[in-house]
Amino acid sequence: MKKTSLALLASAALTVSLSARDQIKIVGSSTVYPFSSSVAEEFGATTKFPTPVVESTGSGGGMKLFCSSNDLNTPDITNASRRMKAKEFKMCEENGVVDITESVIGYDGIAFAQAKSNPAFNVSKEHLALAVAKEVPSKDGKSLIANPYKKWSDIDASLPNREIIVYGPPKSSGTRDAFEELVMQKVFKKMPLYTDLYKADKKANKKYKKYSVIRTDGVYVESGENDNLIVQKLDKNKDAFGVFGFSFLVENDDKVQGATINNVHPTPENISSGKYPVSRSLFFYVKNSHRKDVPAINEYVNLFMSEKMIGKDGILAEIGLIALPDATRTAIRSNVSKRTKLTLADLKH
């Protein structure tokens, strides 16, 4: 009898452990990681729940894990430095993850940074796109050729005679997605050499519709999902530039400085107003199917969305988060508290 009772108790304990847990699992963007981690630490210190586990997997990597299943072994929340893509939403649907709430926590700028000891550097979006694109217009402007530019002065004689070397995020990164969209696609859609190729054969030349193919000849160096590693590399290689979120510029302002883009400095004011040309919103997504079995989620989300965290004078502002306008924060907070269900139509706006 005792053995049977013990076996039943063990079985019951195992069932509880598989159907509920106290600790939240969070994955996603390396840019949002410092903000999410700060909220997690505050949450662990001020509530009865353990500190959530936060992993930096990149926005794309986080979406794959988040959308893989409703199973409790999968993440409860994924952070993203760009909005969920329609194809990711469909991937979630295909795997039964059909009740998701989207939250916007604030603004961020993508910094194009260099070592602080260097002279100030100004670059246009066009110069920046031409520096990293795999194909660029020939000198006579009649065709696209493999990118021959090795120095900034090769692109424009007004730029320094300095080697082009850019340490940036990998394809799994939301920062990479945003950089491609806000810099490369915006520039090249205005150049007929790209768009005409697409129009001539839309199926074969689909990539030229929104051209954002980054060169692979060693000029652009993928540096993983660890933005602090890029900062370290800039400290060692004075010629190099790095691409990462504004918060890492703030945290490392003793080592690096942001280049101006189109003569605009990456500052909180310029980013929130949209004057800085490479600005974007930051997100997290909640798997509502997990809320019942992971009760900590509700309190964590409420804390993250509080003025204490994302307000203009909140804790996250101290490490580089740029607050949304008051009315926008209030509206988004209301949607999140109602657990508003994300739809495919929302992602097309």
Protein backbone atom coordinates (compact mmCIF):
# COMPACT_ATOMS: atom_id res chain seq x y z
CA MET A 1 0.00 0.00 0.00
CA LYS A 2 2.79 2.37 0.93
CA LYS A 3 4.57 1.79 -2.36
CA THR A 4 1.34 2.35 -4.28
CA SER A 5 0.64 5.56 -2.36
CA LEU A 6 4.14 6.84 -2.97
CA ALA A 7 3.86 6.02 -6.67
CA LEU A 8 0.56 7.90 -6.88
CA LEU A 9 2.02 10.89 -5.08
CA ALA A 10 5.05 10.92 -7.39
CA SER A 11 2.79 10.66 -10.43
CA ALA A 12 0.63 13.54 -9.17
CA ALA A 13 3.70 15.68 -8.51
CA LEU A 14 5.02 14.97 -11.99
CA THR A 15 1.66 15.93 -13.52
CA VAL A 16 1.66 19.25 -11.64
CA SER A 17 5.24 19.98 -12.69
CA LEU A 18 4.37 19.38 -16.33
CA SER A 19 1.14 21.39 -16.25
CA ALA A 20 2.26 24.46 -14.31
CA ARG A 21 5.39 26.36 -13.39
CA ASP A 22 6.34 29.55 -11.55
CA GLN A 23 9.26 30.71 -13.66
CA ILE A 24 8.62 32.60 -16.91
CA LYS A 25 10.59 31.67 -20.04
CA ILE A 26 11.51 34.59 -22.32
CA VAL A 27 13.50 34.61 -25.58
CA GLY A 28 14.15 36.98 -28.48
CA SER A 29 15.85 40.21 -29.44
CA SER A 30 19.34 41.11 -28.24
CA THR A 31 18.27 44.77 -28.38
CA VAL A 32 15.28 44.25 -26.09
CA TYR A 33 17.29 41.86 -23.87
CA PRO A 34 18.69 44.56 -21.51
CA PHE A 35 15.21 46.01 -20.98
CA SER A 36 13.55 42.63 -20.49
CA SER A 37 16.33 41.55 -18.12
CA SER A 38 15.93 44.70 -16.03
CA VAL A 39 12.21 44.05 -15.70
CA ALA A 40 12.93 40.40 -14.85
CA GLU A 41 15.34 41.40 -12.08
CA GLU A 42 12.86 43.91 -10.63
CA PHE A 43 10.13 41.29 -10.88
CA GLY A 44 12.21 38.71 -9.02
CA ALA A 45 13.05 41.23 -6.30
CA THR A 46 9.52 42.58 -5.73
CA THR A 47 7.17 39.61 -6.19
CA LYS A 48 6.73 36.09 -4.81
CA PHE A 49 7.80 34.62 -8.16
CA PRO A 50 11.34 33.61 -9.23
CA THR A 51 13.27 35.83 -11.61
CA PRO A 52 12.28 34.98 -15.21
CA VAL A 53 14.80 33.30 -17.49
CA VAL A 54 15.64 35.68 -20.37
CA GLU A 55 17.63 34.42 -23.37
CA SER A 56 19.06 36.50 -26.21
CA THR A 57 18.26 34.46 -29.32
CA GLY A 58 17.62 37.25 -31.83
CA SER A 59 14.15 38.34 -32.91
CA GLY A 60 13.88 35.72 -35.66
CA GLY A 61 15.23 32.93 -33.46
CA GLY A 62 12.84 33.91 -30.70
CA MET A 63 9.86 33.81 -33.03
CA LYS A 64 10.73 30.27 -34.14
CA LEU A 65 10.89 29.05 -30.54
CA PHE A 66 7.79 30.97 -29.47
CA CYS A 67 5.72 29.77 -32.43
CA SER A 68 6.82 26.15 -32.27
CA SER A 69 4.06 24.96 -29.92
CA ASN A 70 1.73 25.72 -26.99
CA ASP A 71 3.63 23.17 -24.92
CA LEU A 72 4.83 24.54 -21.58
CA ASN A 73 8.40 23.70 -22.56
CA THR A 74 8.21 26.52 -25.12
CA PRO A 75 8.68 30.24 -24.31
CA ASP A 76 5.89 32.28 -22.77
CA ILE A 77 7.13 35.57 -24.20
CA THR A 78 9.34 36.59 -27.09
CA ASN A 79 10.99 39.99 -27.47
CA ALA A 80 11.47 41.61 -30.87
CA SER A 81 13.24 44.68 -32.22
CA ARG A 82 10.80 44.76 -35.14
CA ARG A 83 7.21 43.73 -35.57
CA MET A 84 6.23 40.09 -36.01
CA LYS A 85 6.21 39.14 -39.69
CA ALA A 86 3.13 37.75 -41.42
CA LYS A 87 4.98 34.52 -42.18
CA GLU A 88 5.84 34.16 -38.46
CA PHE A 89 2.21 34.72 -37.50
CA LYS A 90 1.21 31.98 -39.96
CA MET A 91 3.90 29.70 -38.50
CA CYS A 92 2.38 30.25 -35.07
CA GLU A 93 -1.09 29.45 -36.41
CA GLU A 94 0.12 26.26 -38.07
CA ASN A 95 1.49 25.10 -34.71
CA GLY A 96 -1.63 25.98 -32.74
CA VAL A 97 -0.32 29.22 -31.21
CA VAL A 98 -3.37 31.31 -32.07
CA ASP A 99 -3.87 33.62 -29.08
CA ILE A 100 -1.07 36.19 -28.95
CA THR A 101 -1.00 39.69 -27.49
CA GLU A 102 1.39 42.27 -28.94
CA SER A 103 2.98 45.00 -26.87
CA VAL A 104 5.08 48.00 -27.90
CA ILE A 105 7.39 49.16 -25.10
CA GLY A 106 9.11 52.17 -26.67
CA TYR A 107 11.35 53.49 -29.41
CA ASP A 108 14.92 52.67 -30.31
CA GLY A 109 17.34 53.96 -32.89
CA ILE A 110 19.82 51.82 -34.78
CA ALA A 111 23.23 53.29 -34.09
CA PHE A 112 26.04 53.30 -36.63
CA ALA A 113 28.90 53.62 -34.19
CA GLN A 114 32.68 53.85 -34.05
CA ALA A 115 35.43 54.15 -31.45
CA LYS A 116 35.12 57.32 -29.38
CA SER A 117 38.73 58.28 -30.14
CA ASN A 118 37.90 58.72 -33.86
CA PRO A 119 36.94 62.02 -35.50
CA ALA A 120 33.20 62.61 -35.92
CA PHE A 121 31.72 60.84 -38.94
CA ASN A 122 28.66 61.76 -41.00
CA VAL A 123 27.17 59.45 -43.60
CA SER A 124 24.03 59.59 -45.71
CA LYS A 125 21.61 56.68 -45.88
CA GLU A 126 22.63 56.25 -49.52
CA HIS A 127 26.33 56.06 -48.65
CA LEU A 128 25.56 53.53 -45.94
CA ALA A 129 23.45 51.37 -48.25
CA LEU A 130 26.12 51.42 -50.96
CA ALA A 131 28.79 50.45 -48.44
CA VAL A 132 27.13 47.18 -47.44
CA ALA A 133 25.07 46.10 -50.49
CA LYS A 134 26.15 43.04 -52.45
CA GLU A 135 25.36 44.73 -55.79
CA VAL A 136 25.72 48.43 -56.60
CA PRO A 137 25.33 50.59 -59.73
CA SER A 138 28.32 50.69 -62.08
CA LYS A 139 30.13 54.01 -62.58
CA ASP A 140 28.27 54.65 -65.82
CA GLY A 141 24.99 53.88 -64.04
CA LYS A 142 23.90 51.36 -66.67
CA SER A 143 24.12 48.09 -64.76
CA LEU A 144 24.48 46.48 -61.34
CA ILE A 145 27.88 45.05 -60.45
CA ALA A 146 29.46 43.23 -57.52
CA ASN A 147 30.27 45.80 -54.85
CA PRO A 148 33.83 47.05 -55.51
CA TYR A 149 33.99 49.59 -52.67
CA LYS A 150 36.81 49.01 -50.20
CA LYS A 151 37.11 52.52 -48.76
CA TRP A 152 34.51 55.15 -47.92
CA SER A 153 36.20 57.55 -50.33
CA ASP A 154 35.52 55.03 -53.13
CA ILE A 155 31.82 55.73 -52.65
CA ASP A 156 32.14 59.50 -52.41
CA ALA A 157 35.31 61.59 -52.56
CA SER A 158 33.97 63.75 -49.72
CA LEU A 159 34.16 60.77 -47.35
CA PRO A 160 37.37 59.80 -45.50
CA ASN A 161 39.99 57.59 -47.12
CA ARG A 162 39.18 54.89 -44.60
CA GLU A 163 38.61 51.15 -44.96
CA ILE A 164 34.98 50.02 -44.96
CA ILE A 165 34.50 47.42 -42.24
CA VAL A 166 31.12 46.97 -40.55
CA TYR A 167 30.42 44.66 -37.62
CA GLY A 168 26.72 43.90 -37.61
CA PRO A 169 24.00 41.51 -36.54
CA PRO A 170 23.21 38.19 -38.26
CA LYS A 171 20.12 37.31 -40.30
CA SER A 172 18.27 36.09 -37.20
CA SER A 173 18.38 39.59 -35.71
CA GLY A 174 15.52 42.08 -35.68
CA THR A 175 18.11 44.85 -35.80
CA ARG A 176 19.37 43.39 -39.08
CA ASP A 177 15.79 43.26 -40.40
CA ALA A 178 15.19 46.88 -39.41
CA PHE A 179 18.52 48.04 -40.85
CA GLU A 180 17.74 46.36 -44.17
CA GLU A 181 14.26 47.86 -44.28
CA LEU A 182 15.02 51.38 -43.03
CA VAL A 183 18.31 51.88 -44.87
CA MET A 184 18.76 49.54 -47.83
CA GLN A 185 15.18 49.07 -49.02
CA LYS A 186 14.38 52.77 -48.57
CA VAL A 187 17.42 53.77 -50.66
CA PHE A 188 17.27 51.19 -53.44
CA LYS A 189 13.53 51.43 -54.11
CA LYS A 190 14.29 54.92 -55.46
CA MET A 191 16.91 53.58 -57.90
CA PRO A 192 15.47 52.39 -61.26
CA LEU A 193 18.36 49.98 -61.83
CA TYR A 194 16.91 47.76 -59.09
CA THR A 195 13.20 48.31 -59.63
CA ASP A 196 13.43 47.94 -63.42
CA LEU A 197 15.02 44.51 -63.02
CA TYR A 198 12.11 43.46 -60.85
CA LYS A 199 9.54 44.79 -63.30
CA ALA A 200 11.26 43.01 -66.20
CA ASP A 201 10.95 39.59 -64.54
CA LYS A 202 9.12 39.67 -61.21
CA LYS A 203 9.60 35.98 -60.51
CA ALA A 204 13.30 35.67 -61.34
CA ASN A 205 14.23 39.08 -59.91
CA LYS A 206 12.03 39.17 -56.81
CA LYS A 207 14.94 40.28 -54.61
CA TYR A 208 15.17 43.58 -56.49
CA LYS A 209 11.66 44.66 -55.47
CA LYS A 210 12.91 45.47 -51.97
CA TYR A 211 16.64 45.04 -52.38
CA SER A 212 18.49 44.35 -49.14
CA VAL A 213 21.15 41.77 -49.97
CA ILE A 214 24.23 42.40 -47.84
CA ARG A 215 27.68 41.71 -49.25
CA THR A 216 29.55 38.59 -48.10
CA ASP A 217 33.11 39.48 -49.08
CA GLY A 218 34.29 40.24 -45.54
CA VAL A 219 33.39 43.93 -45.46
CA TYR A 220 30.22 43.26 -43.46
CA VAL A 221 31.11 40.94 -40.59
CA GLU A 222 28.28 39.10 -38.85
CA SER A 223 28.99 39.33 -35.14
CA GLY A 224 26.32 37.21 -33.48
CA GLU A 225 23.53 38.29 -31.16
CA ASN A 226 25.90 39.81 -28.59
CA ASP A 227 25.99 43.57 -29.18
CA ASN A 228 28.57 44.01 -26.40
CA LEU A 229 30.95 41.94 -28.53
CA ILE A 230 30.61 44.50 -31.34
CA VAL A 231 31.47 47.30 -28.90
CA GLN A 232 34.63 45.41 -27.91
CA LYS A 233 35.61 44.99 -31.56
CA LEU A 234 35.22 48.73 -32.24
CA ASP A 235 37.55 49.43 -29.36
CA LYS A 236 40.21 47.28 -31.03
CA ASN A 237 39.68 48.24 -34.69
CA LYS A 238 39.51 52.03 -35.08
CA ASP A 239 38.54 51.78 -38.77
CA ALA A 240 35.46 49.72 -38.06
CA PHE A 241 31.84 50.65 -37.50
CA GLY A 242 29.20 48.69 -35.64
CA VAL A 243 25.45 48.35 -36.08
CA PHE A 244 23.42 47.93 -32.87
CA GLY A 245 20.59 49.39 -30.81
CA PHE A 246 20.76 52.87 -29.28
CA SER A 247 20.71 51.47 -25.74
CA PHE A 248 24.15 49.91 -26.28
CA LEU A 249 25.43 53.31 -27.41
CA VAL A 250 24.15 54.81 -24.17
CA GLU A 251 25.63 52.03 -22.03
CA ASN A 252 29.05 52.31 -23.71
CA ASP A 253 29.34 56.05 -24.33
CA ASP A 254 32.78 55.99 -22.72
CA LYS A 255 34.02 53.73 -25.54
CA VAL A 256 31.94 54.46 -28.66
CA GLN A 257 30.21 57.33 -30.42
CA GLY A 258 27.36 57.32 -32.89
CA ALA A 259 27.93 58.61 -36.40
CA THR A 260 25.41 61.14 -37.66
CA ILE A 261 23.15 59.88 -40.45
CA ASN A 262 21.96 62.57 -42.86
CA ASN A 263 23.54 65.04 -40.40
CA VAL A 264 21.23 63.93 -37.58
CA HIS A 265 22.60 62.71 -34.25
CA PRO A 266 21.16 59.59 -32.61
CA THR A 267 19.57 61.21 -29.55
CA PRO A 268 16.38 60.34 -27.65
CA GLU A 269 14.69 63.47 -28.97
CA ASN A 270 15.64 62.82 -32.60
CA ILE A 271 14.66 59.15 -32.38
CA SER A 272 11.26 59.71 -30.74
CA SER A 273 10.38 62.47 -33.21
CA GLY A 274 11.41 60.34 -36.19
CA LYS A 275 13.99 62.92 -37.26
CA TYR A 276 16.76 60.36 -36.88
CA PRO A 277 16.33 58.30 -40.07
CA VAL A 278 16.96 54.86 -38.58
CA SER A 279 14.38 54.65 -35.78
CA ARG A 280 12.06 51.76 -34.92
CA SER A 281 9.68 50.47 -32.23
CA LEU A 282 10.45 47.63 -29.80
CA PHE A 283 7.99 44.82 -29.02
CA PHE A 284 7.23 41.76 -26.97
CA TYR A 285 4.64 39.06 -27.64
CA VAL A 286 2.76 37.03 -25.02
CA LYS A 287 1.46 33.48 -25.49
CA ASN A 288 -1.93 33.79 -23.80
CA SER A 289 -2.44 30.02 -23.72
CA HIS A 290 0.29 29.86 -21.05
CA ARG A 291 -1.20 32.42 -18.67
CA LYS A 292 -3.34 29.92 -16.74
CA ASP A 293 -0.46 27.51 -16.02
CA VAL A 294 2.21 30.20 -15.61
CA PRO A 295 0.46 32.75 -13.35
CA ALA A 296 3.59 34.89 -13.10
CA ILE A 297 3.07 36.07 -16.69
CA ASN A 298 0.24 38.44 -15.78
CA GLU A 299 2.23 40.25 -13.09
CA TYR A 300 5.36 40.40 -15.22
CA VAL A 301 3.50 41.93 -18.16
CA ASN A 302 1.81 44.48 -15.86
CA LEU A 303 5.19 45.46 -14.41
CA PHE A 304 6.83 45.76 -17.84
CA MET A 305 4.02 48.03 -19.09
CA SER A 306 3.98 50.19 -15.96
CA GLU A 307 5.14 53.81 -15.79
CA LYS A 308 7.76 52.58 -13.35
CA MET A 309 9.40 50.75 -16.26
CA ILE A 310 8.47 52.31 -19.61
CA GLY A 311 7.46 55.81 -18.52
CA LYS A 312 9.50 58.87 -19.49
CA ASP A 313 11.26 58.79 -16.12
CA GLY A 314 11.06 55.02 -15.77
CA ILE A 315 13.84 52.59 -14.93
CA LEU A 316 14.29 51.55 -18.57
CA ALA A 317 14.83 55.15 -19.70
CA GLU A 318 18.03 55.10 -17.67
CA ILE A 319 19.47 52.37 -19.90
CA GLY A 320 18.38 53.78 -23.25
CA LEU A 321 14.69 53.03 -23.84
CA ILE A 322 12.95 56.00 -25.47
CA ALA A 323 9.42 56.38 -24.15
CA LEU A 324 6.34 56.37 -26.35
CA PRO A 325 4.10 59.48 -26.24
CA ASP A 326 1.78 59.52 -23.19
CA ALA A 327 -1.41 58.81 -25.14
CA THR A 328 0.23 55.98 -27.08
CA ARG A 329 1.52 54.35 -23.90
CA THR A 330 -1.94 54.54 -22.35
CA ALA A 331 -3.62 53.00 -25.40
CA ILE A 332 -1.13 50.16 -25.72
CA ARG A 333 -1.24 49.46 -21.99
CA SER A 334 -5.04 49.16 -22.26
CA ASN A 335 -4.79 46.71 -25.18
CA VAL A 336 -2.25 44.60 -23.32
CA SER A 337 -4.30 44.51 -20.12
CA LYS A 338 -7.32 43.34 -22.15
CA ARG A 339 -5.15 40.62 -23.73
CA THR A 340 -6.15 41.90 -27.15
CA LYS A 341 -5.66 39.11 -29.67
CA LEU A 342 -3.22 39.84 -32.49
CA THR A 343 -4.57 39.22 -36.01
CA LEU A 344 -2.90 38.87 -39.38
CA ALA A 345 -4.70 42.05 -40.49
CA ASP A 346 -2.97 43.98 -37.67
CA LEU A 347 0.43 43.09 -39.12
CA LYS A 348 -0.49 44.53 -42.52
CA HIS A 349 -1.10 48.04 -41.17
